[in-house]
Amino acid sequence: MIQYDQLAFQMFGEFAKKVEFVGAKIKSLKRPSVDTLRKLLHSLLKSLDEIAPMPSNLSRAIHASITSSIRALLESPVASKKEALSIVSTIRKLFTPKTQEYYSAMLKAALIFSQKFLVEV
């Protein structure tokens, strides 16, 4: 679990800061339009695309797990400020130990690792 934390932080540390910034920006807006919310969330999607996995197989599995979870959240339709804040909150929880989202991402990474990188016996 410690290695998972370290690898996730190394790959997604800057992205997590951007998530905090976008969440604060959404919170500060008064009656934002759906288009404004989509643009803010799309900026996170662009930042996500810039994150490359580290060379180890474990980091590739963690990268695949976290990016697929975040991408699914960011590509879901947003109709209100409340929904946008919920998406940001769920993304934050992916990096927060002892949350369901964190453990789900960790389990998904383990499954990806075992399917793609372990030798079949």
Foldseek 3Di string as FASTA:
>chain_A
DVVLLVLCCVQCVVLLVLLVVLLVVLVPDDWDAQVVLLVSLVVSVVVLVPGDFDPDLLSVLLNVLLSVVLVVLSPDRDGGSVSSNVSSVLNNVCNPPPDPNVVSSVVSSVVCSCVPPDDDD
